[in-house]
Amino acid sequence: MIRVEATDSVWTLTLDRPDKANSLTAAMLEALINAIDQAEKAEAHALILTGNGRVFSAGADLDEARAGLATSPLWETLSGRVAALPCLSIAALNGTLAGGAFGMALACDLRLAVPGAKFFYPVMKLGFLPQPSDPTRLAALVGPARAKMILMAGARVEAEEALRWGLVDRLCPAEALLGEARALASDAAGASVAHVAAIKGLIR
């Protein structure tokens, strides 16, 4: 349910469960963590996260969430792996981003989205805490008040508003989304892995 493509030092990981709105199972989270580890070992210059279909991810699979996945440490492990990558990481959000799936997108260096995407993280309503690193990363992008609107007031943010807030960096038509992500990765793909890591380290 996770497709992996490696081309010219750019790795693309695709959530491929469109019939279930790319809702994430424990096995999918583990596969993503493993693929990210493999990309780092292979000295990828850039990594793109995207989804198949009209939704990036609806968050945790409902059956597995009820069985404990909603509070699993796998979510924090995944976002931590993304954040620690020395290469350029890009979330190419092909549709709505919800719940626990926020973590991996917030941990990326850049976020692109299609115009119809929506963003919501209903932890207050569902009675869960967000992943430990997510509130800090979210507040760094949109500010504390807007982070509270999403995490505490249950705001559903439309793509255009997300762009104004800084939650996403650019809107792209669905048919151009991956092409735009690959274009943004092209300079990193043409540089040495050490140079990519050095620039990212300076920004951190």
N, C-alpha and C. Protein backbone atom coordinates (compact mmCIF):
# COMPACT_ATOMS: atom_id res chain seq x y z
N MET A 1 0.81 -1.21 0.00
CA MET A 1 0.00 0.00 0.00
C MET A 1 0.85 1.27 0.00
N ILE A 2 2.16 1.08 0.02
CA ILE A 2 3.10 2.19 -0.15
C ILE A 2 3.92 1.89 -1.40
N ARG A 3 3.81 2.73 -2.40
CA ARG A 3 4.62 2.57 -3.60
C ARG A 3 5.89 3.40 -3.47
N VAL A 4 7.01 2.82 -3.86
CA VAL A 4 8.31 3.48 -3.76
C VAL A 4 8.92 3.57 -5.15
N GLU A 5 9.33 4.78 -5.53
CA GLU A 5 9.99 5.00 -6.81
C GLU A 5 11.24 5.83 -6.56
N ALA A 6 12.36 5.37 -7.08
CA ALA A 6 13.62 6.11 -6.94
C ALA A 6 14.16 6.41 -8.34
N THR A 7 14.22 7.69 -8.69
CA THR A 7 14.69 8.12 -10.00
C THR A 7 15.61 9.31 -9.85
N ASP A 8 16.84 9.17 -10.35
CA ASP A 8 17.81 10.28 -10.33
C ASP A 8 17.97 10.89 -8.95
N SER A 9 18.14 10.05 -7.95
CA SER A 9 18.38 10.44 -6.55
C SER A 9 17.17 11.10 -5.89
N VAL A 10 16.01 11.09 -6.56
CA VAL A 10 14.77 11.59 -5.96
C VAL A 10 13.86 10.40 -5.68
N TRP A 11 13.51 10.21 -4.43
CA TRP A 11 12.62 9.13 -4.03
C TRP A 11 11.20 9.66 -3.88
N THR A 12 10.24 8.93 -4.43
CA THR A 12 8.82 9.29 -4.29
C THR A 12 8.10 8.14 -3.58
N LEU A 13 7.48 8.47 -2.45
CA LEU A 13 6.69 7.50 -1.69
C LEU A 13 5.23 7.86 -1.84
N THR A 14 4.43 6.92 -2.31
CA THR A 14 3.02 7.18 -2.61
C THR A 14 2.12 6.32 -1.72
N LEU A 15 1.24 6.97 -0.97
CA LEU A 15 0.20 6.25 -0.23
C LEU A 15 -0.78 5.71 -1.26
N ASP A 16 -0.97 4.40 -1.27
CA ASP A 16 -1.73 3.79 -2.36
C ASP A 16 -2.86 2.92 -1.81
N ARG A 17 -3.79 3.59 -1.16
CA ARG A 17 -5.00 2.93 -0.66
C ARG A 17 -6.20 3.84 -0.94
N PRO A 18 -6.40 4.21 -2.21
CA PRO A 18 -7.39 5.23 -2.53
C PRO A 18 -8.82 4.83 -2.19
N ASP A 19 -9.10 3.52 -2.17
CA ASP A 19 -10.46 3.08 -1.85
C ASP A 19 -10.80 3.33 -0.38
N LYS A 20 -9.79 3.57 0.46
CA LYS A 20 -9.99 3.88 1.88
C LYS A 20 -9.46 5.27 2.21
N ALA A 21 -9.48 6.17 1.23
CA ALA A 21 -9.00 7.55 1.40
C ALA A 21 -7.58 7.58 1.96
N ASN A 22 -6.78 6.58 1.55
CA ASN A 22 -5.39 6.47 2.00
C ASN A 22 -5.27 6.53 3.53
N SER A 23 -6.28 5.99 4.21
CA SER A 23 -6.18 5.90 5.67
C SER A 23 -5.04 4.93 6.00
N LEU A 24 -4.33 5.23 7.07
CA LEU A 24 -3.06 4.57 7.36
C LEU A 24 -3.21 3.46 8.39
N THR A 25 -2.65 2.31 8.08
CA THR A 25 -2.58 1.19 9.01
C THR A 25 -1.19 1.17 9.65
N ALA A 26 -1.04 0.36 10.68
CA ALA A 26 0.28 0.22 11.30
C ALA A 26 1.29 -0.31 10.29
N ALA A 27 0.86 -1.24 9.46
CA ALA A 27 1.78 -1.79 8.45
C ALA A 27 2.22 -0.72 7.47
N MET A 28 1.32 0.20 7.10
CA MET A 28 1.69 1.29 6.19
C MET A 28 2.67 2.25 6.86
N LEU A 29 2.43 2.57 8.13
CA LEU A 29 3.35 3.44 8.85
C LEU A 29 4.74 2.81 8.92
N GLU A 30 4.79 1.52 9.22
CA GLU A 30 6.07 0.83 9.29
C GLU A 30 6.75 0.80 7.92
N ALA A 31 5.96 0.61 6.85
CA ALA A 31 6.52 0.61 5.50
C ALA A 31 7.08 1.98 5.13
N LEU A 32 6.38 3.05 5.54
CA LEU A 32 6.90 4.40 5.28
C LEU A 32 8.20 4.64 6.02
N ILE A 33 8.26 4.25 7.29
CA ILE A 33 9.48 4.42 8.08
C ILE A 33 10.63 3.66 7.42
N ASN A 34 10.37 2.42 7.01
CA ASN A 34 11.40 1.62 6.37
C ASN A 34 11.87 2.24 5.06
N ALA A 35 10.92 2.74 4.25
CA ALA A 35 11.29 3.34 2.97
C ALA A 35 12.10 4.61 3.17
N ILE A 36 11.75 5.41 4.17
CA ILE A 36 12.51 6.63 4.45
C ILE A 36 13.92 6.28 4.91
N ASP A 37 14.05 5.25 5.75
CA ASP A 37 15.37 4.80 6.17
C ASP A 37 16.19 4.34 4.98
N GLN A 38 15.56 3.61 4.06
CA GLN A 38 16.26 3.14 2.87
C GLN A 38 16.68 4.31 1.98
N ALA A 39 15.81 5.32 1.86
CA ALA A 39 16.16 6.50 1.06
C ALA A 39 17.38 7.20 1.64
N GLU A 40 17.43 7.32 2.96
CA GLU A 40 18.58 7.97 3.59
C GLU A 40 19.85 7.14 3.38
N LYS A 41 19.76 5.82 3.54
CA LYS A 41 20.93 4.96 3.33
C LYS A 41 21.42 5.04 1.89
N ALA A 42 20.48 5.22 0.96
CA ALA A 42 20.84 5.32 -0.46
C ALA A 42 21.31 6.72 -0.83
N GLU A 43 21.38 7.61 0.16
CA GLU A 43 21.82 9.00 -0.05
C GLU A 43 20.94 9.73 -1.06
N ALA A 44 19.64 9.59 -0.87
CA ALA A 44 18.69 10.35 -1.69
C ALA A 44 18.95 11.84 -1.52
N HIS A 45 18.80 12.59 -2.59
CA HIS A 45 18.97 14.04 -2.54
C HIS A 45 17.65 14.73 -2.24
N ALA A 46 16.55 14.07 -2.54
CA ALA A 46 15.22 14.62 -2.26
C ALA A 46 14.23 13.48 -2.09
N LEU A 47 13.20 13.73 -1.28
CA LEU A 47 12.16 12.74 -1.05
C LEU A 47 10.80 13.44 -1.16
N ILE A 48 9.90 12.83 -1.92
CA ILE A 48 8.55 13.37 -2.14
C ILE A 48 7.55 12.40 -1.54
N LEU A 49 6.65 12.92 -0.72
CA LEU A 49 5.53 12.14 -0.17
C LEU A 49 4.25 12.58 -0.87
N THR A 50 3.50 11.63 -1.40
CA THR A 50 2.24 11.98 -2.07
C THR A 50 1.25 10.83 -1.89
N GLY A 51 0.08 10.97 -2.48
CA GLY A 51 -0.95 9.95 -2.37
C GLY A 51 -1.59 9.66 -3.71
N ASN A 52 -2.23 8.51 -3.81
CA ASN A 52 -2.97 8.13 -5.00
C ASN A 52 -4.45 8.44 -4.77
N GLY A 53 -5.08 9.06 -5.75
CA GLY A 53 -6.50 9.38 -5.63
C GLY A 53 -6.74 10.83 -5.27
N ARG A 54 -7.89 11.11 -4.68
CA ARG A 54 -8.31 12.49 -4.44
C ARG A 54 -8.11 12.95 -3.01
N VAL A 55 -7.58 12.06 -2.16
CA VAL A 55 -7.32 12.39 -0.76
C VAL A 55 -5.87 12.01 -0.46
N PHE A 56 -5.11 12.90 0.17
CA PHE A 56 -3.75 12.52 0.57
C PHE A 56 -3.84 11.45 1.64
N SER A 57 -4.53 11.75 2.73
CA SER A 57 -4.79 10.73 3.75
C SER A 57 -5.83 11.23 4.73
N ALA A 58 -6.75 10.34 5.07
CA ALA A 58 -7.77 10.64 6.07
C ALA A 58 -7.29 10.36 7.49
N GLY A 59 -6.00 10.03 7.65
CA GLY A 59 -5.46 9.74 8.97
C GLY A 59 -5.46 8.25 9.25
N ALA A 60 -5.69 7.86 10.48
CA ALA A 60 -5.63 6.46 10.87
C ALA A 60 -6.81 5.67 10.32
N ASP A 61 -6.54 4.45 9.90
CA ASP A 61 -7.60 3.50 9.57
C ASP A 61 -8.52 3.36 10.79
N LEU A 62 -9.82 3.47 10.59
CA LEU A 62 -10.75 3.51 11.73
C LEU A 62 -10.72 2.25 12.58
N ASP A 63 -10.67 1.10 11.94
CA ASP A 63 -10.65 -0.15 12.72
C ASP A 63 -9.38 -0.24 13.56
N GLU A 64 -8.24 0.12 12.96
CA GLU A 64 -6.99 0.04 13.71
C GLU A 64 -6.90 1.16 14.75
N ALA A 65 -7.51 2.32 14.45
CA ALA A 65 -7.53 3.40 15.44
C ALA A 65 -8.24 2.95 16.70
N ARG A 66 -9.36 2.28 16.52
CA ARG A 66 -10.13 1.78 17.68
C ARG A 66 -9.33 0.74 18.47
N ALA A 67 -8.42 0.03 17.77
CA ALA A 67 -7.62 -1.01 18.41
C ALA A 67 -6.32 -0.46 19.01
N GLY A 68 -6.13 0.87 18.93
CA GLY A 68 -4.96 1.47 19.57
C GLY A 68 -4.02 2.23 18.67
N LEU A 69 -4.22 2.16 17.35
CA LEU A 69 -3.29 2.85 16.45
C LEU A 69 -3.28 4.36 16.65
N ALA A 70 -4.41 4.92 17.06
CA ALA A 70 -4.49 6.38 17.21
C ALA A 70 -3.45 6.93 18.18
N THR A 71 -3.03 6.13 19.14
CA THR A 71 -2.05 6.58 20.13
C THR A 71 -0.71 5.85 20.00
N SER A 72 -0.49 5.22 18.86
CA SER A 72 0.75 4.48 18.64
C SER A 72 1.95 5.42 18.49
N PRO A 73 3.12 5.03 19.01
CA PRO A 73 4.33 5.83 18.80
C PRO A 73 4.83 5.82 17.37
N LEU A 74 4.24 4.97 16.52
CA LEU A 74 4.67 4.92 15.12
C LEU A 74 4.51 6.28 14.43
N TRP A 75 3.45 7.03 14.77
CA TRP A 75 3.23 8.33 14.13
C TRP A 75 4.39 9.28 14.40
N GLU A 76 4.80 9.35 15.67
CA GLU A 76 5.89 10.24 16.04
C GLU A 76 7.22 9.76 15.46
N THR A 77 7.40 8.45 15.41
CA THR A 77 8.61 7.90 14.78
C THR A 77 8.69 8.29 13.33
N LEU A 78 7.56 8.19 12.62
CA LEU A 78 7.52 8.54 11.20
C LEU A 78 7.85 10.02 10.99
N SER A 79 7.17 10.91 11.70
CA SER A 79 7.42 12.34 11.49
C SER A 79 8.85 12.70 11.90
N GLY A 80 9.37 12.03 12.94
CA GLY A 80 10.75 12.27 13.33
C GLY A 80 11.74 11.85 12.26
N ARG A 81 11.48 10.73 11.60
CA ARG A 81 12.35 10.27 10.52
C ARG A 81 12.34 11.27 9.35
N VAL A 82 11.14 11.76 9.04
CA VAL A 82 11.06 12.75 7.95
C VAL A 82 11.83 14.01 8.31
N ALA A 83 11.60 14.52 9.52
CA ALA A 83 12.25 15.76 9.94
C ALA A 83 13.76 15.63 9.98
N ALA A 84 14.27 14.45 10.30
CA ALA A 84 15.71 14.25 10.45
C ALA A 84 16.42 14.00 9.12
N LEU A 85 15.68 13.83 8.04
CA LEU A 85 16.32 13.57 6.75
C LEU A 85 17.29 14.71 6.39
N PRO A 86 18.49 14.38 5.91
CA PRO A 86 19.41 15.42 5.49
C PRO A 86 19.12 15.96 4.09
N CYS A 87 18.18 15.33 3.40
CA CYS A 87 17.84 15.75 2.04
C CYS A 87 16.62 16.67 2.05
N LEU A 88 16.27 17.20 0.89
CA LEU A 88 15.07 18.03 0.73
C LEU A 88 13.84 17.12 0.76
N SER A 89 12.87 17.44 1.59
CA SER A 89 11.63 16.65 1.67
C SER A 89 10.44 17.52 1.26
N ILE A 90 9.58 16.96 0.42
CA ILE A 90 8.45 17.69 -0.14
C ILE A 90 7.18 16.87 0.02
N ALA A 91 6.16 17.43 0.63
CA ALA A 91 4.84 16.80 0.68
C ALA A 91 4.03 17.34 -0.50
N ALA A 92 3.69 16.45 -1.42
CA ALA A 92 2.85 16.80 -2.57
C ALA A 92 1.44 16.31 -2.26
N LEU A 93 0.65 17.19 -1.67
CA LEU A 93 -0.64 16.82 -1.10
C LEU A 93 -1.70 16.83 -2.20
N ASN A 94 -2.05 15.63 -2.66
CA ASN A 94 -2.98 15.48 -3.78
C ASN A 94 -4.44 15.66 -3.36
N GLY A 95 -4.68 15.94 -2.09
CA GLY A 95 -6.04 16.15 -1.62
C GLY A 95 -6.02 16.40 -0.12
N THR A 96 -7.13 16.17 0.51
CA THR A 96 -7.32 16.49 1.92
C THR A 96 -6.32 15.77 2.82
N LEU A 97 -5.86 16.50 3.83
CA LEU A 97 -4.92 16.01 4.83
C LEU A 97 -5.62 16.09 6.18
N ALA A 98 -5.72 14.95 6.87
CA ALA A 98 -6.49 14.93 8.11
C ALA A 98 -5.79 14.10 9.18
N GLY A 99 -6.06 14.46 10.42
CA GLY A 99 -5.65 13.67 11.57
C GLY A 99 -4.17 13.39 11.64
N GLY A 100 -3.84 12.15 12.01
CA GLY A 100 -2.46 11.76 12.22
C GLY A 100 -1.57 11.92 11.02
N ALA A 101 -2.14 11.95 9.82
CA ALA A 101 -1.33 12.14 8.62
C ALA A 101 -0.67 13.51 8.58
N PHE A 102 -1.17 14.45 9.39
CA PHE A 102 -0.56 15.78 9.46
C PHE A 102 0.93 15.69 9.77
N GLY A 103 1.30 14.75 10.66
CA GLY A 103 2.66 14.73 11.17
C GLY A 103 3.71 14.66 10.09
N MET A 104 3.57 13.74 9.13
CA MET A 104 4.60 13.59 8.11
C MET A 104 4.65 14.81 7.19
N ALA A 105 3.50 15.44 6.93
CA ALA A 105 3.50 16.63 6.09
C ALA A 105 4.13 17.82 6.80
N LEU A 106 3.82 18.00 8.09
CA LEU A 106 4.41 19.09 8.85
C LEU A 106 5.92 18.93 8.95
N ALA A 107 6.41 17.70 8.96
CA ALA A 107 7.84 17.44 9.10
C ALA A 107 8.61 17.68 7.81
N CYS A 108 7.91 17.81 6.68
CA CYS A 108 8.59 18.05 5.41
C CYS A 108 9.09 19.49 5.32
N ASP A 109 10.06 19.69 4.43
CA ASP A 109 10.61 21.03 4.21
C ASP A 109 9.64 21.92 3.44
N LEU A 110 8.93 21.33 2.49
CA LEU A 110 8.00 22.08 1.64
C LEU A 110 6.69 21.30 1.54
N ARG A 111 5.60 22.05 1.35
CA ARG A 111 4.28 21.44 1.19
C ARG A 111 3.57 22.08 0.00
N LEU A 112 3.23 21.26 -0.98
CA LEU A 112 2.41 21.68 -2.11
C LEU A 112 1.04 21.04 -1.94
N ALA A 113 0.01 21.67 -2.48
CA ALA A 113 -1.33 21.11 -2.35
C ALA A 113 -2.16 21.45 -3.57
N VAL A 114 -3.16 20.62 -3.84
CA VAL A 114 -4.11 20.90 -4.90
C VAL A 114 -5.15 21.90 -4.37
N PRO A 115 -5.77 22.70 -5.24
CA PRO A 115 -6.69 23.74 -4.77
C PRO A 115 -7.88 23.24 -3.96
N GLY A 116 -8.33 22.02 -4.17
CA GLY A 116 -9.50 21.52 -3.44
C GLY A 116 -9.19 20.87 -2.11
N ALA A 117 -7.93 20.86 -1.70
CA ALA A 117 -7.56 20.17 -0.46
C ALA A 117 -8.13 20.89 0.76
N LYS A 118 -8.41 20.10 1.78
CA LYS A 118 -8.83 20.64 3.08
C LYS A 118 -7.90 20.09 4.15
N PHE A 119 -7.77 20.82 5.25
CA PHE A 119 -6.82 20.46 6.30
C PHE A 119 -7.54 20.51 7.65
N PHE A 120 -7.55 19.40 8.35
CA PHE A 120 -8.15 19.40 9.69
C PHE A 120 -7.54 18.28 10.53
N TYR A 121 -7.54 18.52 11.83
CA TYR A 121 -6.83 17.64 12.79
C TYR A 121 -7.72 17.56 14.03
N PRO A 122 -8.77 16.72 14.01
CA PRO A 122 -9.84 16.78 15.02
C PRO A 122 -9.53 16.07 16.34
N VAL A 123 -8.36 16.33 16.91
CA VAL A 123 -7.99 15.64 18.14
C VAL A 123 -8.84 16.06 19.34
N MET A 124 -9.25 17.32 19.39
CA MET A 124 -10.08 17.76 20.51
C MET A 124 -11.41 17.01 20.50
N LYS A 125 -12.02 16.95 19.35
CA LYS A 125 -13.32 16.28 19.20
C LYS A 125 -13.23 14.79 19.50
N LEU A 126 -12.12 14.17 19.10
CA LEU A 126 -11.99 12.72 19.25
C LEU A 126 -11.41 12.31 20.59
N GLY A 127 -10.94 13.26 21.37
CA GLY A 127 -10.44 12.94 22.69
C GLY A 127 -9.01 12.43 22.74
N PHE A 128 -8.22 12.70 21.66
CA PHE A 128 -6.83 12.30 21.64
C PHE A 128 -5.92 13.52 21.73
N LEU A 129 -4.68 13.30 22.14
CA LEU A 129 -3.67 14.33 22.02
C LEU A 129 -3.02 14.23 20.65
N PRO A 130 -2.58 15.36 20.07
CA PRO A 130 -1.84 15.27 18.82
C PRO A 130 -0.49 14.60 19.05
N GLN A 131 0.15 14.20 17.98
CA GLN A 131 1.51 13.69 18.09
C GLN A 131 2.37 14.75 18.78
N PRO A 132 3.32 14.34 19.62
CA PRO A 132 4.05 15.32 20.44
C PRO A 132 4.72 16.45 19.68
N SER A 133 5.27 16.17 18.49
CA SER A 133 5.99 17.21 17.75
C SER A 133 5.09 18.07 16.88
N ASP A 134 3.86 17.63 16.64
CA ASP A 134 3.01 18.34 15.68
C ASP A 134 2.61 19.75 16.11
N PRO A 135 2.21 20.00 17.36
CA PRO A 135 1.82 21.37 17.72
C PRO A 135 2.95 22.38 17.52
N THR A 136 4.18 22.01 17.87
CA THR A 136 5.30 22.92 17.71
C THR A 136 5.57 23.19 16.24
N ARG A 137 5.57 22.14 15.42
CA ARG A 137 5.80 22.34 13.98
C ARG A 137 4.67 23.15 13.35
N LEU A 138 3.45 22.86 13.76
CA LEU A 138 2.30 23.59 13.22
C LEU A 138 2.37 25.07 13.60
N ALA A 139 2.65 25.36 14.87
CA ALA A 139 2.73 26.75 15.33
C ALA A 139 3.87 27.49 14.64
N ALA A 140 4.97 26.79 14.33
CA ALA A 140 6.09 27.44 13.64
C ALA A 140 5.68 27.89 12.23
N LEU A 141 4.74 27.18 11.63
CA LEU A 141 4.29 27.53 10.28
C LEU A 141 3.20 28.59 10.28
N VAL A 142 2.22 28.43 11.16
CA VAL A 142 1.02 29.28 11.07
C VAL A 142 0.84 30.21 12.25
N GLY A 143 1.65 30.07 13.30
CA GLY A 143 1.49 30.88 14.50
C GLY A 143 0.65 30.16 15.54
N PRO A 144 0.80 30.54 16.82
CA PRO A 144 0.10 29.83 17.90
C PRO A 144 -1.42 29.90 17.82
N ALA A 145 -1.96 31.06 17.48
CA ALA A 145 -3.42 31.19 17.47
C ALA A 145 -4.04 30.30 16.40
N ARG A 146 -3.45 30.29 15.21
CA ARG A 146 -3.99 29.47 14.14
C ARG A 146 -3.78 27.98 14.43
N ALA A 147 -2.68 27.65 15.09
CA ALA A 147 -2.48 26.26 15.51
C ALA A 147 -3.59 25.84 16.47
N LYS A 148 -3.98 26.75 17.36
CA LYS A 148 -5.06 26.45 18.29
C LYS A 148 -6.40 26.35 17.55
N MET A 149 -6.59 27.14 16.51
CA MET A 149 -7.82 27.02 15.71
C MET A 149 -7.95 25.62 15.13
N ILE A 150 -6.82 25.07 14.66
CA ILE A 150 -6.86 23.74 14.05
C ILE A 150 -6.97 22.65 15.11
N LEU A 151 -6.14 22.73 16.15
CA LEU A 151 -6.06 21.63 17.12
C LEU A 151 -7.10 21.71 18.23
N MET A 152 -7.54 22.93 18.56
CA MET A 152 -8.46 23.08 19.69
C MET A 152 -9.87 23.45 19.26
N ALA A 153 -9.99 24.23 18.20
CA ALA A 153 -11.32 24.65 17.75
C ALA A 153 -11.84 23.82 16.58
N GLY A 154 -11.03 22.88 16.10
CA GLY A 154 -11.49 21.97 15.06
C GLY A 154 -11.69 22.62 13.71
N ALA A 155 -10.97 23.71 13.43
CA ALA A 155 -11.14 24.42 12.15
C ALA A 155 -10.79 23.52 10.98
N ARG A 156 -11.61 23.60 9.93
CA ARG A 156 -11.31 22.95 8.66
C ARG A 156 -10.81 24.03 7.72
N VAL A 157 -9.57 23.95 7.33
CA VAL A 157 -8.93 25.02 6.58
C VAL A 157 -8.91 24.65 5.10
N GLU A 158 -9.48 25.53 4.28
CA GLU A 158 -9.46 25.33 2.83
C GLU A 158 -8.06 25.65 2.28
N ALA A 159 -7.77 25.12 1.09
CA ALA A 159 -6.42 25.23 0.53
C ALA A 159 -5.96 26.68 0.39
N GLU A 160 -6.84 27.56 -0.08
CA GLU A 160 -6.44 28.95 -0.30
C GLU A 160 -6.09 29.63 1.03
N GLU A 161 -6.87 29.32 2.08
CA GLU A 161 -6.57 29.88 3.39
C GLU A 161 -5.28 29.26 3.94
N ALA A 162 -5.08 27.97 3.71
CA ALA A 162 -3.85 27.32 4.15
C ALA A 162 -2.63 27.96 3.51
N LEU A 163 -2.77 28.37 2.26
CA LEU A 163 -1.67 29.06 1.58
C LEU A 163 -1.39 30.41 2.23
N ARG A 164 -2.44 31.16 2.54
CA ARG A 164 -2.26 32.46 3.18
C ARG A 164 -1.64 32.32 4.56
N TRP A 165 -2.00 31.27 5.25
CA TRP A 165 -1.49 31.05 6.61
C TRP A 165 -0.04 30.57 6.61
N GLY A 166 0.43 30.00 5.51
CA GLY A 166 1.76 29.41 5.47
C GLY A 166 1.78 27.93 5.78
N LEU A 167 0.61 27.33 5.90
CA LEU A 167 0.54 25.88 6.13
C LEU A 167 1.01 25.13 4.90
N VAL A 168 0.69 25.64 3.70
CA VAL A 168 1.25 25.11 2.46
C VAL A 168 1.99 26.24 1.76
N ASP A 169 2.92 25.86 0.89
CA ASP A 169 3.80 26.83 0.24
C ASP A 169 3.38 27.19 -1.18
N ARG A 170 2.62 26.32 -1.81
CA ARG A 170 2.20 26.59 -3.19
C ARG A 170 1.01 25.70 -3.51
N LEU A 171 0.06 26.21 -4.30
CA LEU A 171 -1.05 25.42 -4.82
C LEU A 171 -0.78 25.06 -6.27
N CYS A 172 -1.10 23.83 -6.63
CA CYS A 172 -0.85 23.34 -7.99
C CYS A 172 -2.04 22.51 -8.45
N PRO A 173 -2.43 22.61 -9.71
CA PRO A 173 -3.47 21.71 -10.22
C PRO A 173 -3.03 20.26 -10.05
N ALA A 174 -3.99 19.39 -9.85
CA ALA A 174 -3.68 17.98 -9.58
C ALA A 174 -2.78 17.38 -10.65
N GLU A 175 -3.05 17.72 -11.91
CA GLU A 175 -2.28 17.11 -13.00
C GLU A 175 -0.82 17.61 -13.04
N ALA A 176 -0.55 18.72 -12.37
CA ALA A 176 0.81 19.28 -12.38
C ALA A 176 1.54 19.09 -11.05
N LEU A 177 0.88 18.46 -10.08
CA LEU A 177 1.41 18.43 -8.71
C LEU A 177 2.77 17.72 -8.63
N LEU A 178 2.84 16.50 -9.14
CA LEU A 178 4.10 15.76 -9.04
C LEU A 178 5.18 16.40 -9.90
N GLY A 179 4.80 16.93 -11.04
CA GLY A 179 5.77 17.62 -11.87
C GLY A 179 6.37 18.82 -11.17
N GLU A 180 5.53 19.57 -10.45
CA GLU A 180 6.02 20.72 -9.69
C GLU A 180 6.94 20.27 -8.57
N ALA A 181 6.56 19.20 -7.87
CA ALA A 181 7.41 18.69 -6.79
C ALA A 181 8.76 18.25 -7.33
N ARG A 182 8.76 17.57 -8.45
CA ARG A 182 10.03 17.11 -9.04
C ARG A 182 10.86 18.28 -9.54
N ALA A 183 10.19 19.32 -10.06
CA ALA A 183 10.93 20.50 -10.49
C ALA A 183 11.61 21.18 -9.30
N LEU A 184 10.90 21.25 -8.17
CA LEU A 184 11.49 21.85 -6.98
C LEU A 184 12.64 21.01 -6.43
N ALA A 185 12.61 19.71 -6.72
CA ALA A 185 13.68 18.82 -6.25
C ALA A 185 14.87 18.78 -7.20
N SER A 186 14.75 19.40 -8.37
CA SER A 186 15.77 19.20 -9.40
C SER A 186 17.12 19.79 -9.03
N ASP A 187 17.15 20.94 -8.36
CA ASP A 187 18.44 21.51 -7.97
C ASP A 187 19.14 20.60 -6.97
N ALA A 188 18.38 20.08 -6.01
CA ALA A 188 18.96 19.16 -5.03
C ALA A 188 19.44 17.88 -5.71
N ALA A 189 18.68 17.41 -6.69
CA ALA A 189 19.06 16.20 -7.42
C ALA A 189 20.38 16.38 -8.15
N GLY A 190 20.65 17.61 -8.58
CA GLY A 190 21.88 17.87 -9.33
C GLY A 190 23.07 18.24 -8.48
N ALA A 191 22.86 18.37 -7.17
CA ALA A 191 23.95 18.73 -6.26
C ALA A 191 24.49 17.47 -5.59
N SER A 192 25.57 17.61 -4.85
CA SER A 192 26.06 16.48 -4.07
C SER A 192 25.20 16.33 -2.83
N VAL A 193 25.15 15.12 -2.31
CA VAL A 193 24.34 14.88 -1.11
C VAL A 193 24.87 15.69 0.06
N ALA A 194 26.20 15.89 0.13
CA ALA A 194 26.79 16.68 1.22
C ALA A 194 26.38 18.14 1.11
N HIS A 195 26.28 18.65 -0.12
CA HIS A 195 25.89 20.05 -0.32
C HIS A 195 24.44 20.26 0.08
N VAL A 196 23.58 19.33 -0.28
CA VAL A 196 22.16 19.39 0.09
C VAL A 196 22.05 19.41 1.61
N ALA A 197 22.74 18.50 2.27
CA ALA A 197 22.67 18.41 3.73
C ALA A 197 23.24 19.65 4.39
N ALA A 198 24.30 20.23 3.80
CA ALA A 198 24.91 21.43 4.39
C ALA A 198 23.96 22.62 4.36
N ILE A 199 23.28 22.83 3.24
CA ILE A 199 22.35 23.96 3.14
C ILE A 199 21.17 23.75 4.09
N LYS A 200 20.65 22.53 4.12
CA LYS A 200 19.52 22.26 5.03
C LYS A 200 19.96 22.48 6.48
N GLY A 201 21.17 22.07 6.80
CA GLY A 201 21.67 22.28 8.15
C GLY A 201 21.81 23.74 8.52
N LEU A 202 22.19 24.57 7.57
CA LEU A 202 22.31 26.01 7.83
C LEU A 202 20.93 26.63 8.11
N ILE A 203 19.92 26.18 7.40
CA ILE A 203 18.57 26.72 7.61
C ILE A 203 18.03 26.27 8.95
N ARG A 204 18.32 25.05 9.37
CA ARG A 204 17.87 24.58 10.67
C ARG A 204 18.47 25.42 11.78
